[in-house]
Amino acid sequence: SFYNLVKIAFLGPPKNAIVHKVVKGDSLWALSRTYGISVQDLCKVNNIKENGILSIGQTIIIPIF
């Protein structure tokens, strides 16, 4: 999306990414706090909704800027 392009232009491309496998108790909010990235950015990168439910075993990409 345009927002992602503007953000990437501002921050530069991610230096790396963490692949996180969802375990029991994980939530978007908890992952955002653990990795220091907003819930909105996690959702955009992974094409999921902010109120979406994570499934155990699901893979979440966490960009590192």
PDB file of N, CA and C in Angstrom:
ATOM      1  N   SER A   1       0.832  -1.185   0.000  1.00  0.00           N
ATOM      2  CA  SER A   1       0.000   0.000   0.000  1.00  0.00           C
ATOM      3  C   SER A   1       0.877   1.250   0.000  1.00  0.00           C
ATOM      4  N   PHE A   2       0.263   2.373  -0.254  1.00  0.00           N
ATOM      5  CA  PHE A   2       0.984   3.645  -0.261  1.00  0.00           C
ATOM      6  C   PHE A   2       1.609   3.919   1.104  1.00  0.00           C
ATOM      7  N   TYR A   3       0.851   3.630   2.177  1.00  0.00           N
ATOM      8  CA  TYR A   3       1.368   3.862   3.531  1.00  0.00           C
ATOM      9  C   TYR A   3       2.659   3.084   3.752  1.00  0.00           C
ATOM     10  N   ASN A   4       2.677   1.812   3.369  1.00  0.00           N
ATOM     11  CA  ASN A   4       3.878   0.992   3.552  1.00  0.00           C
ATOM     12  C   ASN A   4       5.046   1.544   2.753  1.00  0.00           C
ATOM     13  N   LEU A   5       4.782   2.006   1.533  1.00  0.00           N
ATOM     14  CA  LEU A   5       5.854   2.560   0.716  1.00  0.00           C
ATOM     15  C   LEU A   5       6.429   3.817   1.353  1.00  0.00           C
ATOM     16  N   VAL A   6       5.574   4.675   1.883  1.00  0.00           N
ATOM     17  CA  VAL A   6       6.043   5.889   2.544  1.00  0.00           C
ATOM     18  C   VAL A   6       6.844   5.524   3.787  1.00  0.00           C
ATOM     19  N   LYS A   7       6.352   4.591   4.562  1.00  0.00           N
ATOM     20  CA  LYS A   7       7.049   4.195   5.787  1.00  0.00           C
ATOM     21  C   LYS A   7       8.410   3.587   5.461  1.00  0.00           C
ATOM     22  N   ILE A   8       8.460   2.715   4.482  1.00  0.00           N
ATOM     23  CA  ILE A   8       9.731   2.092   4.109  1.00  0.00           C
ATOM     24  C   ILE A   8      10.691   3.146   3.570  1.00  0.00           C
ATOM     25  N   ALA A   9      10.185   4.097   2.810  1.00  0.00           N
ATOM     26  CA  ALA A   9      11.037   5.172   2.309  1.00  0.00           C
ATOM     27  C   ALA A   9      11.608   5.977   3.470  1.00  0.00           C
ATOM     28  N   PHE A  10      10.817   6.154   4.521  1.00  0.00           N
ATOM     29  CA  PHE A  10      11.255   6.934   5.678  1.00  0.00           C
ATOM     30  C   PHE A  10      12.237   6.139   6.530  1.00  0.00           C
ATOM     31  N   LEU A  11      11.920   4.888   6.834  1.00  0.00           N
ATOM     32  CA  LEU A  11      12.750   4.066   7.713  1.00  0.00           C
ATOM     33  C   LEU A  11      13.847   3.326   6.963  1.00  0.00           C
ATOM     34  N   GLY A  12      13.682   3.222   5.652  1.00  0.00           N
ATOM     35  CA  GLY A  12      14.582   2.384   4.874  1.00  0.00           C
ATOM     36  C   GLY A  12      14.066   0.958   4.917  1.00  0.00           C
ATOM     37  N   PRO A  13      14.633   0.103   4.107  1.00  0.00           N
ATOM     38  CA  PRO A  13      14.173  -1.289   4.115  1.00  0.00           C
ATOM     39  C   PRO A  13      14.522  -1.943   5.453  1.00  0.00           C
ATOM     40  N   PRO A  14      13.759  -2.927   5.856  1.00  0.00           N
ATOM     41  CA  PRO A  14      14.105  -3.609   7.111  1.00  0.00           C
ATOM     42  C   PRO A  14      15.520  -4.165   7.027  1.00  0.00           C
ATOM     43  N   LYS A  15      16.249  -4.078   8.128  1.00  0.00           N
ATOM     44  CA  LYS A  15      17.611  -4.629   8.166  1.00  0.00           C
ATOM     45  C   LYS A  15      17.556  -6.154   8.213  1.00  0.00           C
ATOM     46  N   ASN A  16      16.484  -6.643   8.785  1.00  0.00           N
ATOM     47  CA  ASN A  16      16.336  -8.077   8.956  1.00  0.00           C
ATOM     48  C   ASN A  16      14.885  -8.353   9.325  1.00  0.00           C
ATOM     49  N   ALA A  17      14.555  -9.570   9.521  1.00  0.00           N
ATOM     50  CA  ALA A  17      13.212  -9.916   9.975  1.00  0.00           C
ATOM     51  C   ALA A  17      13.309 -11.132  10.876  1.00  0.00           C
ATOM     52  N   ILE A  18      12.439 -11.168  11.850  1.00  0.00           N
ATOM     53  CA  ILE A  18      12.326 -12.326  12.732  1.00  0.00           C
ATOM     54  C   ILE A  18      11.094 -13.093  12.283  1.00  0.00           C
ATOM     55  N   VAL A  19      11.228 -14.403  12.201  1.00  0.00           N
ATOM     56  CA  VAL A  19      10.072 -15.249  11.912  1.00  0.00           C
ATOM     57  C   VAL A  19       9.646 -15.834  13.252  1.00  0.00           C
ATOM     58  N   HIS A  20       8.471 -15.430  13.704  1.00  0.00           N
ATOM     59  CA  HIS A  20       7.964 -15.869  15.008  1.00  0.00           C
ATOM     60  C   HIS A  20       6.852 -16.879  14.792  1.00  0.00           C
ATOM     61  N   LYS A  21       6.987 -18.027  15.434  1.00  0.00           N
ATOM     62  CA  LYS A  21       5.930 -19.039  15.363  1.00  0.00           C
ATOM     63  C   LYS A  21       5.029 -18.848  16.587  1.00  0.00           C
ATOM     64  N   VAL A  22       3.746 -18.650  16.343  1.00  0.00           N
ATOM     65  CA  VAL A  22       2.791 -18.349  17.409  1.00  0.00           C
ATOM     66  C   VAL A  22       2.644 -19.544  18.347  1.00  0.00           C
ATOM     67  N   VAL A  23       2.725 -19.251  19.649  1.00  0.00           N
ATOM     68  CA  VAL A  23       2.508 -20.262  20.682  1.00  0.00           C
ATOM     69  C   VAL A  23       1.320 -19.839  21.547  1.00  0.00           C
ATOM     70  N   LYS A  24       0.824 -20.749  22.350  1.00  0.00           N
ATOM     71  CA  LYS A  24      -0.320 -20.467  23.219  1.00  0.00           C
ATOM     72  C   LYS A  24      -0.023 -19.227  24.066  1.00  0.00           C
ATOM     73  N   GLY A  25      -0.963 -18.306  24.098  1.00  0.00           N
ATOM     74  CA  GLY A  25      -0.802 -17.091  24.890  1.00  0.00           C
ATOM     75  C   GLY A  25      -0.312 -15.895  24.099  1.00  0.00           C
ATOM     76  N   ASP A  26       0.195 -16.109  22.883  1.00  0.00           N
ATOM     77  CA  ASP A  26       0.654 -14.985  22.054  1.00  0.00           C
ATOM     78  C   ASP A  26      -0.529 -14.145  21.590  1.00  0.00           C
ATOM     79  N   SER A  27      -0.303 -12.855  21.488  1.00  0.00           N
ATOM     80  CA  SER A  27      -1.292 -11.952  20.908  1.00  0.00           C
ATOM     81  C   SER A  27      -0.533 -10.905  20.110  1.00  0.00           C
ATOM     82  N   LEU A  28      -1.241 -10.218  19.226  1.00  0.00           N
ATOM     83  CA  LEU A  28      -0.590  -9.144  18.469  1.00  0.00           C
ATOM     84  C   LEU A  28      -0.028  -8.089  19.413  1.00  0.00           C
ATOM     85  N   TRP A  29      -0.795  -7.765  20.452  1.00  0.00           N
ATOM     86  CA  TRP A  29      -0.359  -6.760  21.413  1.00  0.00           C
ATOM     87  C   TRP A  29       0.932  -7.196  22.106  1.00  0.00           C
ATOM     88  N   ALA A  30       0.962  -8.445  22.569  1.00  0.00           N
ATOM     89  CA  ALA A  30       2.151  -8.953  23.264  1.00  0.00           C
ATOM     90  C   ALA A  30       3.359  -8.979  22.330  1.00  0.00           C
ATOM     91  N   LEU A  31       3.159  -9.423  21.094  1.00  0.00           N
ATOM     92  CA  LEU A  31       4.271  -9.461  20.140  1.00  0.00           C
ATOM     93  C   LEU A  31       4.771  -8.056  19.828  1.00  0.00           C
ATOM     94  N   SER A  32       3.848  -7.101  19.728  1.00  0.00           N
ATOM     95  CA  SER A  32       4.257  -5.726  19.436  1.00  0.00           C
ATOM     96  C   SER A  32       5.117  -5.178  20.562  1.00  0.00           C
ATOM     97  N   ARG A  33       4.770  -5.493  21.804  1.00  0.00           N
ATOM     98  CA  ARG A  33       5.556  -5.015  22.946  1.00  0.00           C
ATOM     99  C   ARG A  33       6.906  -5.732  23.023  1.00  0.00           C
ATOM    100  N   THR A  34       6.891  -7.031  22.775  1.00  0.00           N
ATOM    101  CA  THR A  34       8.131  -7.821  22.844  1.00  0.00           C
ATOM    102  C   THR A  34       9.157  -7.334  21.822  1.00  0.00           C
ATOM    103  N   TYR A  35       8.686  -7.047  20.600  1.00  0.00           N
ATOM    104  CA  TYR A  35       9.612  -6.720  19.517  1.00  0.00           C
ATOM    105  C   TYR A  35       9.703  -5.226  19.216  1.00  0.00           C
ATOM    106  N   GLY A  36       8.939  -4.408  19.937  1.00  0.00           N
ATOM    107  CA  GLY A  36       9.030  -2.960  19.749  1.00  0.00           C
ATOM    108  C   GLY A  36       8.511  -2.481  18.405  1.00  0.00           C
ATOM    109  N   ILE A  37       7.431  -3.076  17.938  1.00  0.00           N
ATOM    110  CA  ILE A  37       6.811  -2.680  16.675  1.00  0.00           C
ATOM    111  C   ILE A  37       5.320  -2.505  16.941  1.00  0.00           C
ATOM    112  N   SER A  38       4.684  -1.586  16.265  1.00  0.00           N
ATOM    113  CA  SER A  38       3.264  -1.347  16.534  1.00  0.00           C
ATOM    114  C   SER A  38       2.404  -2.513  16.030  1.00  0.00           C
ATOM    115  N   VAL A  39       1.257  -2.664  16.672  1.00  0.00           N
ATOM    116  CA  VAL A  39       0.292  -3.675  16.239  1.00  0.00           C
ATOM    117  C   VAL A  39      -0.106  -3.410  14.786  1.00  0.00           C
ATOM    118  N   GLN A  40      -0.299  -2.126  14.453  1.00  0.00           N
ATOM    119  CA  GLN A  40      -0.688  -1.766  13.086  1.00  0.00           C
ATOM    120  C   GLN A  40       0.362  -2.238  12.078  1.00  0.00           C
ATOM    121  N   ASP A  41       1.644  -2.041  12.393  1.00  0.00           N
ATOM    122  CA  ASP A  41       2.706  -2.474  11.474  1.00  0.00           C
ATOM    123  C   ASP A  41       2.769  -3.995  11.372  1.00  0.00           C
ATOM    124  N   LEU A  42       2.595  -4.682  12.484  1.00  0.00           N
ATOM    125  CA  LEU A  42       2.568  -6.151  12.440  1.00  0.00           C
ATOM    126  C   LEU A  42       1.447  -6.626  11.522  1.00  0.00           C
ATOM    127  N   CYS A  43       0.291  -5.986  11.644  1.00  0.00           N
ATOM    128  CA  CYS A  43      -0.855  -6.375  10.826  1.00  0.00           C
ATOM    129  C   CYS A  43      -0.604  -6.111   9.350  1.00  0.00           C
ATOM    130  N   LYS A  44      -0.028  -4.960   9.039  1.00  0.00           N
ATOM    131  CA  LYS A  44       0.243  -4.618   7.636  1.00  0.00           C
ATOM    132  C   LYS A  44       1.241  -5.585   7.016  1.00  0.00           C
ATOM    133  N   VAL A  45       2.327  -5.853   7.725  1.00  0.00           N
ATOM    134  CA  VAL A  45       3.369  -6.738   7.191  1.00  0.00           C
ATOM    135  C   VAL A  45       2.826  -8.148   6.963  1.00  0.00           C
ATOM    136  N   ASN A  46       1.941  -8.588   7.864  1.00  0.00           N
ATOM    137  CA  ASN A  46       1.442  -9.962   7.804  1.00  0.00           C
ATOM    138  C   ASN A  46       0.063 -10.084   7.172  1.00  0.00           C
ATOM    139  N   ASN A  47      -0.473  -8.947   6.694  1.00  0.00           N
ATOM    140  CA  ASN A  47      -1.772  -8.933   6.032  1.00  0.00           C
ATOM    141  C   ASN A  47      -2.866  -9.572   6.895  1.00  0.00           C
ATOM    142  N   ILE A  48      -2.917  -9.143   8.154  1.00  0.00           N
ATOM    143  CA  ILE A  48      -3.956  -9.611   9.061  1.00  0.00           C
ATOM    144  C   ILE A  48      -4.655  -8.406   9.680  1.00  0.00           C
ATOM    145  N   LYS A  49      -5.840  -8.622  10.224  1.00  0.00           N
ATOM    146  CA  LYS A  49      -6.606  -7.541  10.838  1.00  0.00           C
ATOM    147  C   LYS A  49      -6.181  -7.375  12.291  1.00  0.00           C
ATOM    148  N   GLU A  50      -6.299  -6.128  12.786  1.00  0.00           N
ATOM    149  CA  GLU A  50      -5.898  -5.845  14.165  1.00  0.00           C
ATOM    150  C   GLU A  50      -6.693  -6.654  15.178  1.00  0.00           C
ATOM    151  N   ASN A  51      -7.923  -6.984  14.857  1.00  0.00           N
ATOM    152  CA  ASN A  51      -8.725  -7.780  15.792  1.00  0.00           C
ATOM    153  C   ASN A  51      -8.704  -9.263  15.419  1.00  0.00           C
ATOM    154  N   GLY A  52      -7.771  -9.624  14.544  1.00  0.00           N
ATOM    155  CA  GLY A  52      -7.666 -11.017  14.116  1.00  0.00           C
ATOM    156  C   GLY A  52      -7.154 -11.912  15.233  1.00  0.00           C
ATOM    157  N   ILE A  53      -7.511 -13.159  15.159  1.00  0.00           N
ATOM    158  CA  ILE A  53      -7.088 -14.153  16.137  1.00  0.00           C
ATOM    159  C   ILE A  53      -5.873 -14.890  15.560  1.00  0.00           C
ATOM    160  N   LEU A  54      -4.823 -14.995  16.367  1.00  0.00           N
ATOM    161  CA  LEU A  54      -3.642 -15.746  15.937  1.00  0.00           C
ATOM    162  C   LEU A  54      -3.873 -17.229  16.211  1.00  0.00           C
ATOM    163  N   SER A  55      -3.368 -18.059  15.316  1.00  0.00           N
ATOM    164  CA  SER A  55      -3.485 -19.508  15.473  1.00  0.00           C
ATOM    165  C   SER A  55      -2.152 -20.066  15.942  1.00  0.00           C
ATOM    166  N   ILE A  56      -2.203 -21.010  16.866  1.00  0.00           N
ATOM    167  CA  ILE A  56      -0.982 -21.666  17.318  1.00  0.00           C
ATOM    168  C   ILE A  56      -0.308 -22.303  16.107  1.00  0.00           C
ATOM    169  N   GLY A  57       0.985 -22.062  15.974  1.00  0.00           N
ATOM    170  CA  GLY A  57       1.732 -22.587  14.836  1.00  0.00           C
ATOM    171  C   GLY A  57       1.803 -21.625  13.664  1.00  0.00           C
ATOM    172  N   GLN A  58       0.993 -20.567  13.698  1.00  0.00           N
ATOM    173  CA  GLN A  58       1.004 -19.559  12.627  1.00  0.00           C
ATOM    174  C   GLN A  58       2.357 -18.840  12.628  1.00  0.00           C
ATOM    175  N   THR A  59       2.838 -18.486  11.452  1.00  0.00           N
ATOM    176  CA  THR A  59       4.102 -17.769  11.320  1.00  0.00           C
ATOM    177  C   THR A  59       3.816 -16.277  11.160  1.00  0.00           C
ATOM    178  N   ILE A  60       4.473 -15.473  11.981  1.00  0.00           N
ATOM    179  CA  ILE A  60       4.346 -14.026  11.940  1.00  0.00           C
ATOM    180  C   ILE A  60       5.723 -13.445  11.589  1.00  0.00           C
ATOM    181  N   ILE A  61       5.763 -12.569  10.599  1.00  0.00           N
ATOM    182  CA  ILE A  61       7.008 -11.904  10.198  1.00  0.00           C
ATOM    183  C   ILE A  61       7.120 -10.590  10.978  1.00  0.00           C
ATOM    184  N   ILE A  62       8.261 -10.390  11.617  1.00  0.00           N
ATOM    185  CA  ILE A  62       8.485  -9.168  12.397  1.00  0.00           C
ATOM    186  C   ILE A  62       9.687  -8.438  11.792  1.00  0.00           C
ATOM    187  N   PRO A  63       9.429  -7.324  11.070  1.00  0.00           N
ATOM    188  CA  PRO A  63      10.542  -6.596  10.441  1.00  0.00           C
ATOM    189  C   PRO A  63      11.377  -5.870  11.497  1.00  0.00           C
ATOM    190  N   ILE A  64      12.682  -5.838  11.287  1.00  0.00           N
ATOM    191  CA  ILE A  64      13.608  -5.138  12.169  1.00  0.00           C
ATOM    192  C   ILE A  64      14.206  -3.978  11.383  1.00  0.00           C
ATOM    193  N   PHE A  65      13.962  -2.759  11.849  1.00  0.00           N
ATOM    194  CA  PHE A  65      14.482  -1.581  11.143  1.00  0.00           C
ATOM    195  C   PHE A  65      15.758  -1.074  11.782  1.00  0.00           C
TER     196      PHE A  65
END
